[in-house]
Amino acid sequence: MATVAMNRWTIFTAGLIGAAGVGLAAAASHAGGEALLRPASMICLAHAPAILALSLAGGTLRLSALAALGMMLGTLLFAGDLVARHFIGSGLFPMAAPTGGLTLIGSWLLLAAGALLPRRS
């Protein structure tokens, strides 16, 4: 049951991140946010489908749930910091965007490593 609940929350989060990506793209185009909102949009729109795919893959890939969690956290930190800088003039906290970026890179590497591990029986 915990897996079903986790998948639902992961899919829900992927939907929110995707919607945020579209909204941020619109804001970047119409509200003068090219420098900060466009990259935040791109991060959201790139990672929402990846998170969704990892959720739907379920247990077929080792470490997929951990990679999805890392992508959610990394996207929140990276995009959230850029959005905060645009709208409130300061970031979430010092080094939030780089921490988010490194978390995203680590998540992708974790996914790649998990694909090389033997399949669960």
PDB file of N, CA and C in Angstrom:
ATOM      1  N   MET A   1       0.803  -1.199   0.000  1.00  0.00           N
ATOM      2  CA  MET A   1       0.000   0.000   0.000  1.00  0.00           C
ATOM      3  C   MET A   1       0.851   1.270   0.000  1.00  0.00           C
ATOM      4  N   ALA A   2       1.987   1.228   0.693  1.00  0.00           N
ATOM      5  CA  ALA A   2       2.836   2.417   0.726  1.00  0.00           C
ATOM      6  C   ALA A   2       3.330   2.764  -0.673  1.00  0.00           C
ATOM      7  N   THR A   3       3.566   1.771  -1.504  1.00  0.00           N
ATOM      8  CA  THR A   3       4.024   2.025  -2.862  1.00  0.00           C
ATOM      9  C   THR A   3       2.955   2.740  -3.671  1.00  0.00           C
ATOM     10  N   VAL A   4       1.698   2.312  -3.553  1.00  0.00           N
ATOM     11  CA  VAL A   4       0.604   2.959  -4.277  1.00  0.00           C
ATOM     12  C   VAL A   4       0.464   4.410  -3.818  1.00  0.00           C
ATOM     13  N   ALA A   5       0.509   4.645  -2.528  1.00  0.00           N
ATOM     14  CA  ALA A   5       0.398   6.006  -2.005  1.00  0.00           C
ATOM     15  C   ALA A   5       1.572   6.860  -2.477  1.00  0.00           C
ATOM     16  N   MET A   6       2.773   6.298  -2.464  1.00  0.00           N
ATOM     17  CA  MET A   6       3.955   7.033  -2.927  1.00  0.00           C
ATOM     18  C   MET A   6       3.821   7.368  -4.406  1.00  0.00           C
ATOM     19  N   ASN A   7       3.365   6.410  -5.211  1.00  0.00           N
ATOM     20  CA  ASN A   7       3.184   6.661  -6.637  1.00  0.00           C
ATOM     21  C   ASN A   7       2.171   7.774  -6.873  1.00  0.00           C
ATOM     22  N   ARG A   8       1.082   7.769  -6.117  1.00  0.00           N
ATOM     23  CA  ARG A   8       0.066   8.812  -6.289  1.00  0.00           C
ATOM     24  C   ARG A   8       0.645  10.185  -5.971  1.00  0.00           C
ATOM     25  N   TRP A   9       1.410  10.288  -4.880  1.00  0.00           N
ATOM     26  CA  TRP A   9       2.010  11.570  -4.519  1.00  0.00           C
ATOM     27  C   TRP A   9       3.073  11.984  -5.528  1.00  0.00           C
ATOM     28  N   THR A  10       3.811  11.031  -6.044  1.00  0.00           N
ATOM     29  CA  THR A  10       4.828  11.349  -7.037  1.00  0.00           C
ATOM     30  C   THR A  10       4.178  11.839  -8.327  1.00  0.00           C
ATOM     31  N   ILE A  11       3.114  11.171  -8.767  1.00  0.00           N
ATOM     32  CA  ILE A  11       2.393  11.598  -9.970  1.00  0.00           C
ATOM     33  C   ILE A  11       1.760  12.971  -9.743  1.00  0.00           C
ATOM     34  N   PHE A  12       1.167  13.175  -8.569  1.00  0.00           N
ATOM     35  CA  PHE A  12       0.584  14.476  -8.214  1.00  0.00           C
ATOM     36  C   PHE A  12       1.652  15.568  -8.286  1.00  0.00           C
ATOM     37  N   THR A  13       2.815  15.307  -7.709  1.00  0.00           N
ATOM     38  CA  THR A  13       3.897  16.285  -7.703  1.00  0.00           C
ATOM     39  C   THR A  13       4.394  16.552  -9.115  1.00  0.00           C
ATOM     40  N   ALA A  14       4.503  15.506  -9.934  1.00  0.00           N
ATOM     41  CA  ALA A  14       4.914  15.693 -11.330  1.00  0.00           C
ATOM     42  C   ALA A  14       3.927  16.599 -12.056  1.00  0.00           C
ATOM     43  N   GLY A  15       2.633  16.409 -11.794  1.00  0.00           N
ATOM     44  CA  GLY A  15       1.617  17.272 -12.398  1.00  0.00           C
ATOM     45  C   GLY A  15       1.762  18.720 -11.975  1.00  0.00           C
ATOM     46  N   LEU A  16       2.018  18.942 -10.691  1.00  0.00           N
ATOM     47  CA  LEU A  16       2.209  20.314 -10.203  1.00  0.00           C
ATOM     48  C   LEU A  16       3.451  20.954 -10.801  1.00  0.00           C
ATOM     49  N   ILE A  17       4.523  20.175 -10.894  1.00  0.00           N
ATOM     50  CA  ILE A  17       5.766  20.705 -11.461  1.00  0.00           C
ATOM     51  C   ILE A  17       5.572  21.022 -12.940  1.00  0.00           C
ATOM     52  N   GLY A  18       4.862  20.163 -13.672  1.00  0.00           N
ATOM     53  CA  GLY A  18       4.581  20.433 -15.077  1.00  0.00           C
ATOM     54  C   GLY A  18       3.736  21.679 -15.251  1.00  0.00           C
ATOM     55  N   ALA A  19       2.703  21.817 -14.440  1.00  0.00           N
ATOM     56  CA  ALA A  19       1.852  23.006 -14.500  1.00  0.00           C
ATOM     57  C   ALA A  19       2.653  24.265 -14.165  1.00  0.00           C
ATOM     58  N   ALA A  20       3.515  24.166 -13.182  1.00  0.00           N
ATOM     59  CA  ALA A  20       4.364  25.302 -12.825  1.00  0.00           C
ATOM     60  C   ALA A  20       5.272  25.677 -13.990  1.00  0.00           C
ATOM     61  N   GLY A  21       5.781  24.680 -14.690  1.00  0.00           N
ATOM     62  CA  GLY A  21       6.641  24.944 -15.841  1.00  0.00           C
ATOM     63  C   GLY A  21       5.926  25.726 -16.924  1.00  0.00           C
ATOM     64  N   VAL A  22       4.688  25.350 -17.212  1.00  0.00           N
ATOM     65  CA  VAL A  22       3.909  26.075 -18.226  1.00  0.00           C
ATOM     66  C   VAL A  22       3.604  27.488 -17.739  1.00  0.00           C
ATOM     67  N   GLY A  23       3.203  27.612 -16.480  1.00  0.00           N
ATOM     68  CA  GLY A  23       2.923  28.933 -15.923  1.00  0.00           C
ATOM     69  C   GLY A  23       4.145  29.834 -15.920  1.00  0.00           C
ATOM     70  N   LEU A  24       5.284  29.267 -15.589  1.00  0.00           N
ATOM     71  CA  LEU A  24       6.517  30.050 -15.576  1.00  0.00           C
ATOM     72  C   LEU A  24       6.929  30.460 -16.982  1.00  0.00           C
ATOM     73  N   ALA A  25       6.687  29.598 -17.962  1.00  0.00           N
ATOM     74  CA  ALA A  25       6.992  29.956 -19.347  1.00  0.00           C
ATOM     75  C   ALA A  25       6.122  31.133 -19.787  1.00  0.00           C
ATOM     76  N   ALA A  26       4.845  31.096 -19.414  1.00  0.00           N
ATOM     77  CA  ALA A  26       3.954  32.206 -19.744  1.00  0.00           C
ATOM     78  C   ALA A  26       4.401  33.484 -19.044  1.00  0.00           C
ATOM     79  N   ALA A  27       4.744  33.367 -17.785  1.00  0.00           N
ATOM     80  CA  ALA A  27       5.199  34.549 -17.045  1.00  0.00           C
ATOM     81  C   ALA A  27       6.487  35.108 -17.640  1.00  0.00           C
ATOM     82  N   ALA A  28       7.387  34.221 -18.053  1.00  0.00           N
ATOM     83  CA  ALA A  28       8.633  34.679 -18.657  1.00  0.00           C
ATOM     84  C   ALA A  28       8.370  35.431 -19.955  1.00  0.00           C
ATOM     85  N   SER A  29       7.389  34.962 -20.719  1.00  0.00           N
ATOM     86  CA  SER A  29       7.079  35.602 -22.003  1.00  0.00           C
ATOM     87  C   SER A  29       6.311  36.900 -21.844  1.00  0.00           C
ATOM     88  N   HIS A  30       5.432  36.960 -20.855  1.00  0.00           N
ATOM     89  CA  HIS A  30       4.524  38.100 -20.750  1.00  0.00           C
ATOM     90  C   HIS A  30       4.820  39.048 -19.595  1.00  0.00           C
ATOM     91  N   ALA A  31       5.659  38.633 -18.662  1.00  0.00           N
ATOM     92  CA  ALA A  31       5.905  39.475 -17.494  1.00  0.00           C
ATOM     93  C   ALA A  31       7.371  39.869 -17.356  1.00  0.00           C
ATOM     94  N   GLY A  32       8.135  39.718 -18.427  1.00  0.00           N
ATOM     95  CA  GLY A  32       9.521  40.157 -18.404  1.00  0.00           C
ATOM     96  C   GLY A  32      10.425  39.353 -17.493  1.00  0.00           C
ATOM     97  N   GLY A  33      10.245  38.056 -17.453  1.00  0.00           N
ATOM     98  CA  GLY A  33      11.068  37.247 -16.569  1.00  0.00           C
ATOM     99  C   GLY A  33      12.026  36.328 -17.283  1.00  0.00           C
ATOM    100  N   GLU A  34      12.518  36.755 -18.437  1.00  0.00           N
ATOM    101  CA  GLU A  34      13.385  35.890 -19.243  1.00  0.00           C
ATOM    102  C   GLU A  34      14.612  35.377 -18.477  1.00  0.00           C
ATOM    103  N   ALA A  35      15.266  36.241 -17.741  1.00  0.00           N
ATOM    104  CA  ALA A  35      16.534  35.869 -17.111  1.00  0.00           C
ATOM    105  C   ALA A  35      16.384  34.793 -16.044  1.00  0.00           C
ATOM    106  N   LEU A  36      15.306  34.817 -15.274  1.00  0.00           N
ATOM    107  CA  LEU A  36      15.149  33.867 -14.176  1.00  0.00           C
ATOM    108  C   LEU A  36      13.992  32.893 -14.379  1.00  0.00           C
ATOM    109  N   LEU A  37      12.889  33.368 -14.913  1.00  0.00           N
ATOM    110  CA  LEU A  37      11.714  32.502 -15.039  1.00  0.00           C
ATOM    111  C   LEU A  37      11.836  31.508 -16.183  1.00  0.00           C
ATOM    112  N   ARG A  38      12.494  31.881 -17.270  1.00  0.00           N
ATOM    113  CA  ARG A  38      12.660  30.949 -18.389  1.00  0.00           C
ATOM    114  C   ARG A  38      13.474  29.717 -17.962  1.00  0.00           C
ATOM    115  N   PRO A  39      14.626  29.880 -17.301  1.00  0.00           N
ATOM    116  CA  PRO A  39      15.346  28.680 -16.861  1.00  0.00           C
ATOM    117  C   PRO A  39      14.553  27.854 -15.841  1.00  0.00           C
ATOM    118  N   ALA A  40      13.810  28.521 -14.959  1.00  0.00           N
ATOM    119  CA  ALA A  40      12.988  27.787 -13.991  1.00  0.00           C
ATOM    120  C   ALA A  40      11.932  26.970 -14.715  1.00  0.00           C
ATOM    121  N   SER A  41      11.338  27.561 -15.744  1.00  0.00           N
ATOM    122  CA  SER A  41      10.344  26.853 -16.555  1.00  0.00           C
ATOM    123  C   SER A  41      10.960  25.629 -17.221  1.00  0.00           C
ATOM    124  N   MET A  42      12.130  25.806 -17.789  1.00  0.00           N
ATOM    125  CA  MET A  42      12.789  24.695 -18.486  1.00  0.00           C
ATOM    126  C   MET A  42      13.103  23.542 -17.535  1.00  0.00           C
ATOM    127  N   ILE A  43      13.563  23.863 -16.330  1.00  0.00           N
ATOM    128  CA  ILE A  43      13.858  22.820 -15.342  1.00  0.00           C
ATOM    129  C   ILE A  43      12.583  22.067 -14.991  1.00  0.00           C
ATOM    130  N   CYS A  44      11.497  22.795 -14.754  1.00  0.00           N
ATOM    131  CA  CYS A  44      10.223  22.142 -14.420  1.00  0.00           C
ATOM    132  C   CYS A  44       9.720  21.275 -15.562  1.00  0.00           C
ATOM    133  N   LEU A  45       9.749  21.821 -16.775  1.00  0.00           N
ATOM    134  CA  LEU A  45       9.211  21.080 -17.914  1.00  0.00           C
ATOM    135  C   LEU A  45      10.087  19.895 -18.308  1.00  0.00           C
ATOM    136  N   ALA A  46      11.365  19.939 -17.982  1.00  0.00           N
ATOM    137  CA  ALA A  46      12.244  18.796 -18.262  1.00  0.00           C
ATOM    138  C   ALA A  46      12.080  17.691 -17.228  1.00  0.00           C
ATOM    139  N   HIS A  47      11.843  18.067 -15.977  1.00  0.00           N
ATOM    140  CA  HIS A  47      11.833  17.068 -14.917  1.00  0.00           C
ATOM    141  C   HIS A  47      10.455  16.500 -14.598  1.00  0.00           C
ATOM    142  N   ALA A  48       9.393  17.222 -14.887  1.00  0.00           N
ATOM    143  CA  ALA A  48       8.052  16.680 -14.628  1.00  0.00           C
ATOM    144  C   ALA A  48       7.820  15.367 -15.379  1.00  0.00           C
ATOM    145  N   PRO A  49       8.116  15.287 -16.691  1.00  0.00           N
ATOM    146  CA  PRO A  49       7.917  14.003 -17.376  1.00  0.00           C
ATOM    147  C   PRO A  49       8.844  12.901 -16.858  1.00  0.00           C
ATOM    148  N   ALA A  50      10.054  13.278 -16.466  1.00  0.00           N
ATOM    149  CA  ALA A  50      10.978  12.276 -15.929  1.00  0.00           C
ATOM    150  C   ALA A  50      10.458  11.716 -14.609  1.00  0.00           C
ATOM    151  N   ILE A  51       9.955  12.583 -13.748  1.00  0.00           N
ATOM    152  CA  ILE A  51       9.392  12.140 -12.467  1.00  0.00           C
ATOM    153  C   ILE A  51       8.176  11.251 -12.709  1.00  0.00           C
ATOM    154  N   LEU A  52       7.333  11.657 -13.644  1.00  0.00           N
ATOM    155  CA  LEU A  52       6.158  10.853 -13.990  1.00  0.00           C
ATOM    156  C   LEU A  52       6.576   9.480 -14.508  1.00  0.00           C
ATOM    157  N   ALA A  53       7.548   9.439 -15.395  1.00  0.00           N
ATOM    158  CA  ALA A  53       8.017   8.157 -15.941  1.00  0.00           C
ATOM    159  C   ALA A  53       8.594   7.265 -14.846  1.00  0.00           C
ATOM    160  N   LEU A  54       9.344   7.842 -13.936  1.00  0.00           N
ATOM    161  CA  LEU A  54       9.910   7.053 -12.837  1.00  0.00           C
ATOM    162  C   LEU A  54       8.807   6.505 -11.945  1.00  0.00           C
ATOM    163  N   SER A  55       7.794   7.301 -11.721  1.00  0.00           N
ATOM    164  CA  SER A  55       6.676   6.840 -10.902  1.00  0.00           C
ATOM    165  C   SER A  55       5.942   5.687 -11.578  1.00  0.00           C
ATOM    166  N   LEU A  56       5.714   5.826 -12.879  1.00  0.00           N
ATOM    167  CA  LEU A  56       5.000   4.790 -13.609  1.00  0.00           C
ATOM    168  C   LEU A  56       5.840   3.538 -13.806  1.00  0.00           C
ATOM    169  N   ALA A  57       7.160   3.696 -13.791  1.00  0.00           N
ATOM    170  CA  ALA A  57       8.045   2.533 -13.911  1.00  0.00           C
ATOM    171  C   ALA A  57       7.946   1.650 -12.677  1.00  0.00           C
ATOM    172  N   GLY A  58       7.487   2.246 -11.580  1.00  0.00           N
ATOM    173  CA  GLY A  58       7.313   1.481 -10.342  1.00  0.00           C
ATOM    174  C   GLY A  58       8.608   0.865  -9.875  1.00  0.00           C
ATOM    175  N   GLY A  59       8.558  -0.408  -9.592  1.00  0.00           N
ATOM    176  CA  GLY A  59       9.727  -1.091  -9.068  1.00  0.00           C
ATOM    177  C   GLY A  59      10.574  -1.764 -10.124  1.00  0.00           C
ATOM    178  N   THR A  60      10.338  -1.456 -11.401  1.00  0.00           N
ATOM    179  CA  THR A  60      11.105  -2.139 -12.438  1.00  0.00           C
ATOM    180  C   THR A  60      12.547  -1.675 -12.512  1.00  0.00           C
ATOM    181  N   LEU A  61      12.837  -0.483 -12.059  1.00  0.00           N
ATOM    182  CA  LEU A  61      14.209   0.013 -12.031  1.00  0.00           C
ATOM    183  C   LEU A  61      14.650   0.190 -10.588  1.00  0.00           C
ATOM    184  N   ARG A  62      15.818  -0.307 -10.284  1.00  0.00           N
ATOM    185  CA  ARG A  62      16.356  -0.107  -8.946  1.00  0.00           C
ATOM    186  C   ARG A  62      16.620   1.380  -8.742  1.00  0.00           C
ATOM    187  N   LEU A  63      16.401   1.833  -7.566  1.00  0.00           N
ATOM    188  CA  LEU A  63      16.660   3.210  -7.148  1.00  0.00           C
ATOM    189  C   LEU A  63      15.764   4.247  -7.823  1.00  0.00           C
ATOM    190  N   SER A  64      14.742   3.823  -8.564  1.00  0.00           N
ATOM    191  CA  SER A  64      13.899   4.790  -9.277  1.00  0.00           C
ATOM    192  C   SER A  64      13.133   5.701  -8.324  1.00  0.00           C
ATOM    193  N   ALA A  65      12.646   5.166  -7.222  1.00  0.00           N
ATOM    194  CA  ALA A  65      11.903   6.003  -6.274  1.00  0.00           C
ATOM    195  C   ALA A  65      12.815   7.054  -5.655  1.00  0.00           C
ATOM    196  N   LEU A  66      14.037   6.672  -5.351  1.00  0.00           N
ATOM    197  CA  LEU A  66      14.988   7.625  -4.773  1.00  0.00           C
ATOM    198  C   LEU A  66      15.378   8.689  -5.803  1.00  0.00           C
ATOM    199  N   ALA A  67      15.550   8.275  -7.052  1.00  0.00           N
ATOM    200  CA  ALA A  67      15.868   9.236  -8.114  1.00  0.00           C
ATOM    201  C   ALA A  67      14.710  10.209  -8.306  1.00  0.00           C
ATOM    202  N   ALA A  68      13.482   9.709  -8.283  1.00  0.00           N
ATOM    203  CA  ALA A  68      12.304  10.581  -8.433  1.00  0.00           C
ATOM    204  C   ALA A  68      12.219  11.577  -7.283  1.00  0.00           C
ATOM    205  N   LEU A  69      12.450  11.106  -6.075  1.00  0.00           N
ATOM    206  CA  LEU A  69      12.426  11.993  -4.913  1.00  0.00           C
ATOM    207  C   LEU A  69      13.497  13.080  -5.038  1.00  0.00           C
ATOM    208  N   GLY A  70      14.682  12.685  -5.464  1.00  0.00           N
ATOM    209  CA  GLY A  70      15.757  13.659  -5.664  1.00  0.00           C
ATOM    210  C   GLY A  70      15.412  14.683  -6.728  1.00  0.00           C
ATOM    211  N   MET A  71      14.765  14.220  -7.804  1.00  0.00           N
ATOM    212  CA  MET A  71      14.361  15.155  -8.867  1.00  0.00           C
ATOM    213  C   MET A  71      13.304  16.128  -8.377  1.00  0.00           C
ATOM    214  N   MET A  72      12.390  15.651  -7.556  1.00  0.00           N
ATOM    215  CA  MET A  72      11.375  16.552  -7.008  1.00  0.00           C
ATOM    216  C   MET A  72      12.023  17.607  -6.117  1.00  0.00           C
ATOM    217  N   LEU A  73      12.885  17.177  -5.222  1.00  0.00           N
ATOM    218  CA  LEU A  73      13.556  18.106  -4.312  1.00  0.00           C
ATOM    219  C   LEU A  73      14.464  19.064  -5.079  1.00  0.00           C
ATOM    220  N   GLY A  74      15.251  18.528  -6.009  1.00  0.00           N
ATOM    221  CA  GLY A  74      16.160  19.366  -6.787  1.00  0.00           C
ATOM    222  C   GLY A  74      15.426  20.405  -7.609  1.00  0.00           C
ATOM    223  N   THR A  75      14.301  20.006  -8.218  1.00  0.00           N
ATOM    224  CA  THR A  75      13.505  20.950  -9.002  1.00  0.00           C
ATOM    225  C   THR A  75      12.943  22.042  -8.107  1.00  0.00           C
ATOM    226  N   LEU A  76      12.428  21.651  -6.958  1.00  0.00           N
ATOM    227  CA  LEU A  76      11.888  22.634  -6.012  1.00  0.00           C
ATOM    228  C   LEU A  76      12.958  23.648  -5.610  1.00  0.00           C
ATOM    229  N   LEU A  77      14.145  23.167  -5.286  1.00  0.00           N
ATOM    230  CA  LEU A  77      15.211  24.074  -4.861  1.00  0.00           C
ATOM    231  C   LEU A  77      15.700  24.958  -6.004  1.00  0.00           C
ATOM    232  N   PHE A  78      15.985  24.346  -7.155  1.00  0.00           N
ATOM    233  CA  PHE A  78      16.553  25.093  -8.272  1.00  0.00           C
ATOM    234  C   PHE A  78      15.553  26.109  -8.823  1.00  0.00           C
ATOM    235  N   ALA A  79      14.391  25.624  -9.247  1.00  0.00           N
ATOM    236  CA  ALA A  79      13.384  26.515  -9.824  1.00  0.00           C
ATOM    237  C   ALA A  79      12.831  27.465  -8.771  1.00  0.00           C
ATOM    238  N   GLY A  80      12.603  26.953  -7.568  1.00  0.00           N
ATOM    239  CA  GLY A  80      12.072  27.798  -6.497  1.00  0.00           C
ATOM    240  C   GLY A  80      12.981  28.963  -6.176  1.00  0.00           C
ATOM    241  N   ASP A  81      14.284  28.728  -6.184  1.00  0.00           N
ATOM    242  CA  ASP A  81      15.227  29.806  -5.907  1.00  0.00           C
ATOM    243  C   ASP A  81      15.179  30.871  -7.001  1.00  0.00           C
ATOM    244  N   LEU A  82      15.114  30.442  -8.266  1.00  0.00           N
ATOM    245  CA  LEU A  82      15.040  31.406  -9.366  1.00  0.00           C
ATOM    246  C   LEU A  82      13.747  32.219  -9.317  1.00  0.00           C
ATOM    247  N   VAL A  83      12.637  31.541  -9.012  1.00  0.00           N
ATOM    248  CA  VAL A  83      11.349  32.233  -8.920  1.00  0.00           C
ATOM    249  C   VAL A  83      11.362  33.221  -7.750  1.00  0.00           C
ATOM    250  N   ALA A  84      11.911  32.804  -6.627  1.00  0.00           N
ATOM    251  CA  ALA A  84      11.996  33.716  -5.471  1.00  0.00           C
ATOM    252  C   ALA A  84      12.854  34.932  -5.803  1.00  0.00           C
ATOM    253  N   ARG A  85      13.953  34.725  -6.494  1.00  0.00           N
ATOM    254  CA  ARG A  85      14.813  35.853  -6.877  1.00  0.00           C
ATOM    255  C   ARG A  85      14.059  36.836  -7.774  1.00  0.00           C
ATOM    256  N   HIS A  86      13.231  36.302  -8.668  1.00  0.00           N
ATOM    257  CA  HIS A  86      12.479  37.182  -9.567  1.00  0.00           C
ATOM    258  C   HIS A  86      11.396  37.961  -8.827  1.00  0.00           C
ATOM    259  N   PHE A  87      10.606  37.262  -8.021  1.00  0.00           N
ATOM    260  CA  PHE A  87       9.426  37.895  -7.429  1.00  0.00           C
ATOM    261  C   PHE A  87       9.687  38.616  -6.108  1.00  0.00           C
ATOM    262  N   ILE A  88      10.623  38.117  -5.293  1.00  0.00           N
ATOM    263  CA  ILE A  88      10.852  38.785  -4.006  1.00  0.00           C
ATOM    264  C   ILE A  88      12.237  39.417  -3.886  1.00  0.00           C
ATOM    265  N   GLY A  89      13.074  39.211  -4.899  1.00  0.00           N
ATOM    266  CA  GLY A  89      14.362  39.881  -4.912  1.00  0.00           C
ATOM    267  C   GLY A  89      15.481  39.176  -4.178  1.00  0.00           C
ATOM    268  N   SER A  90      15.192  38.044  -3.560  1.00  0.00           N
ATOM    269  CA  SER A  90      16.254  37.266  -2.919  1.00  0.00           C
ATOM    270  C   SER A  90      15.900  35.784  -3.033  1.00  0.00           C
ATOM    271  N   GLY A  91      16.932  34.951  -2.959  1.00  0.00           N
ATOM    272  CA  GLY A  91      16.724  33.522  -3.106  1.00  0.00           C
ATOM    273  C   GLY A  91      16.132  32.884  -1.862  1.00  0.00           C
ATOM    274  N   LEU A  92      15.889  31.589  -1.956  1.00  0.00           N
ATOM    275  CA  LEU A  92      15.327  30.838  -0.824  1.00  0.00           C
ATOM    276  C   LEU A  92      16.281  30.833   0.354  1.00  0.00           C
ATOM    277  N   PHE A  93      17.536  30.517   0.082  1.00  0.00           N
ATOM    278  CA  PHE A  93      18.614  30.544   1.062  1.00  0.00           C
ATOM    279  C   PHE A  93      19.915  30.504   0.271  1.00  0.00           C
ATOM    280  N   PRO A  94      21.043  30.861   0.882  1.00  0.00           N
ATOM    281  CA  PRO A  94      22.293  30.844   0.125  1.00  0.00           C
ATOM    282  C   PRO A  94      22.575  29.452  -0.462  1.00  0.00           C
ATOM    283  N   MET A  95      22.933  29.441  -1.720  1.00  0.00           N
ATOM    284  CA  MET A  95      23.309  28.225  -2.448  1.00  0.00           C
ATOM    285  C   MET A  95      22.129  27.289  -2.725  1.00  0.00           C
ATOM    286  N   ALA A  96      20.899  27.791  -2.690  1.00  0.00           N
ATOM    287  CA  ALA A  96      19.740  26.930  -2.946  1.00  0.00           C
ATOM    288  C   ALA A  96      19.739  26.420  -4.383  1.00  0.00           C
ATOM    289  N   ALA A  97      19.945  27.304  -5.354  1.00  0.00           N
ATOM    290  CA  ALA A  97      19.935  26.872  -6.761  1.00  0.00           C
ATOM    291  C   ALA A  97      21.067  25.886  -7.056  1.00  0.00           C
ATOM    292  N   PRO A  98      22.298  26.158  -6.635  1.00  0.00           N
ATOM    293  CA  PRO A  98      23.342  25.166  -6.887  1.00  0.00           C
ATOM    294  C   PRO A  98      23.095  23.832  -6.168  1.00  0.00           C
ATOM    295  N   THR A  99      22.533  23.902  -4.975  1.00  0.00           N
ATOM    296  CA  THR A  99      22.191  22.667  -4.257  1.00  0.00           C
ATOM    297  C   THR A  99      21.136  21.893  -5.023  1.00  0.00           C
ATOM    298  N   GLY A 100      20.134  22.594  -5.532  1.00  0.00           N
ATOM    299  CA  GLY A 100      19.105  21.953  -6.337  1.00  0.00           C
ATOM    300  C   GLY A 100      19.679  21.362  -7.609  1.00  0.00           C
ATOM    301  N   GLY A 101      20.557  22.101  -8.261  1.00  0.00           N
ATOM    302  CA  GLY A 101      21.191  21.607  -9.482  1.00  0.00           C
ATOM    303  C   GLY A 101      22.029  20.366  -9.234  1.00  0.00           C
ATOM    304  N   LEU A 102      22.801  20.379  -8.173  1.00  0.00           N
ATOM    305  CA  LEU A 102      23.608  19.200  -7.837  1.00  0.00           C
ATOM    306  C   LEU A 102      22.726  18.013  -7.452  1.00  0.00           C
ATOM    307  N   THR A 103      21.604  18.298  -6.798  1.00  0.00           N
ATOM    308  CA  THR A 103      20.663  17.233  -6.454  1.00  0.00           C
ATOM    309  C   THR A 103      20.067  16.631  -7.719  1.00  0.00           C
ATOM    310  N   LEU A 104      19.749  17.464  -8.697  1.00  0.00           N
ATOM    311  CA  LEU A 104      19.227  16.963  -9.967  1.00  0.00           C
ATOM    312  C   LEU A 104      20.267  16.115 -10.695  1.00  0.00           C
ATOM    313  N   ILE A 105      21.493  16.598 -10.761  1.00  0.00           N
ATOM    314  CA  ILE A 105      22.558  15.827 -11.407  1.00  0.00           C
ATOM    315  C   ILE A 105      22.748  14.496 -10.695  1.00  0.00           C
ATOM    316  N   GLY A 106      22.787  14.536  -9.365  1.00  0.00           N
ATOM    317  CA  GLY A 106      22.934  13.301  -8.597  1.00  0.00           C
ATOM    318  C   GLY A 106      21.790  12.332  -8.826  1.00  0.00           C
ATOM    319  N   SER A 107      20.573  12.861  -8.972  1.00  0.00           N
ATOM    320  CA  SER A 107      19.409  12.013  -9.216  1.00  0.00           C
ATOM    321  C   SER A 107      19.498  11.310 -10.565  1.00  0.00           C
ATOM    322  N   TRP A 108      19.933  12.046 -11.568  1.00  0.00           N
ATOM    323  CA  TRP A 108      20.102  11.427 -12.888  1.00  0.00           C
ATOM    324  C   TRP A 108      21.197  10.357 -12.846  1.00  0.00           C
ATOM    325  N   LEU A 109      22.283  10.638 -12.134  1.00  0.00           N
ATOM    326  CA  LEU A 109      23.358   9.635 -12.002  1.00  0.00           C
ATOM    327  C   LEU A 109      22.889   8.425 -11.211  1.00  0.00           C
ATOM    328  N   LEU A 110      22.071   8.657 -10.198  1.00  0.00           N
ATOM    329  CA  LEU A 110      21.494   7.566  -9.419  1.00  0.00           C
ATOM    330  C   LEU A 110      20.610   6.691 -10.304  1.00  0.00           C
ATOM    331  N   LEU A 111      19.825   7.322 -11.143  1.00  0.00           N
ATOM    332  CA  LEU A 111      18.985   6.583 -12.083  1.00  0.00           C
ATOM    333  C   LEU A 111      19.842   5.746 -13.023  1.00  0.00           C
ATOM    334  N   ALA A 112      20.899   6.340 -13.537  1.00  0.00           N
ATOM    335  CA  ALA A 112      21.788   5.599 -14.452  1.00  0.00           C
ATOM    336  C   ALA A 112      22.441   4.422 -13.732  1.00  0.00           C
ATOM    337  N   ALA A 113      22.890   4.624 -12.508  1.00  0.00           N
ATOM    338  CA  ALA A 113      23.518   3.539 -11.748  1.00  0.00           C
ATOM    339  C   ALA A 113      22.505   2.445 -11.443  1.00  0.00           C
ATOM    340  N   GLY A 114      21.277   2.842 -11.108  1.00  0.00           N
ATOM    341  CA  GLY A 114      20.232   1.855 -10.809  1.00  0.00           C
ATOM    342  C   GLY A 114      19.903   0.983 -11.996  1.00  0.00           C
ATOM    343  N   ALA A 115      20.034   1.529 -13.198  1.00  0.00           N
ATOM    344  CA  ALA A 115      19.749   0.733 -14.391  1.00  0.00           C
ATOM    345  C   ALA A 115      20.805  -0.358 -14.606  1.00  0.00           C
ATOM    346  N   LEU A 116      21.977  -0.183 -14.060  1.00  0.00           N
ATOM    347  CA  LEU A 116      23.038  -1.176 -14.212  1.00  0.00           C
ATOM    348  C   LEU A 116      23.032  -2.250 -13.141  1.00  0.00           C
ATOM    349  N   LEU A 117      22.289  -1.998 -12.054  1.00  0.00           N
ATOM    350  CA  LEU A 117      22.211  -2.991 -10.972  1.00  0.00           C
ATOM    351  C   LEU A 117      21.358  -4.164 -11.401  1.00  0.00           C
ATOM    352  N   PRO A 118      21.638  -5.322 -10.841  1.00  0.00           N
ATOM    353  CA  PRO A 118      20.794  -6.491 -11.181  1.00  0.00           C
ATOM    354  C   PRO A 118      19.347  -6.250 -10.804  1.00  0.00           C
ATOM    355  N   ARG A 119      18.447  -6.809 -11.585  1.00  0.00           N
ATOM    356  CA  ARG A 119      17.008  -6.661 -11.348  1.00  0.00           C
ATOM    357  C   ARG A 119      16.596  -7.411 -10.088  1.00  0.00           C
ATOM    358  N   ARG A 120      15.663  -6.822  -9.359  1.00  0.00           N
ATOM    359  CA  ARG A 120      15.135  -7.489  -8.172  1.00  0.00           C
ATOM    360  C   ARG A 120      14.370  -8.741  -8.559  1.00  0.00           C
ATOM    361  N   SER A 121      14.448  -9.753  -7.707  1.00  0.00           N
ATOM    362  CA  SER A 121      13.683 -10.963  -8.029  1.00  0.00           C
ATOM    363  C   SER A 121      12.377 -11.041  -7.282  1.00  0.00           C
TER     364      SER A 121
END
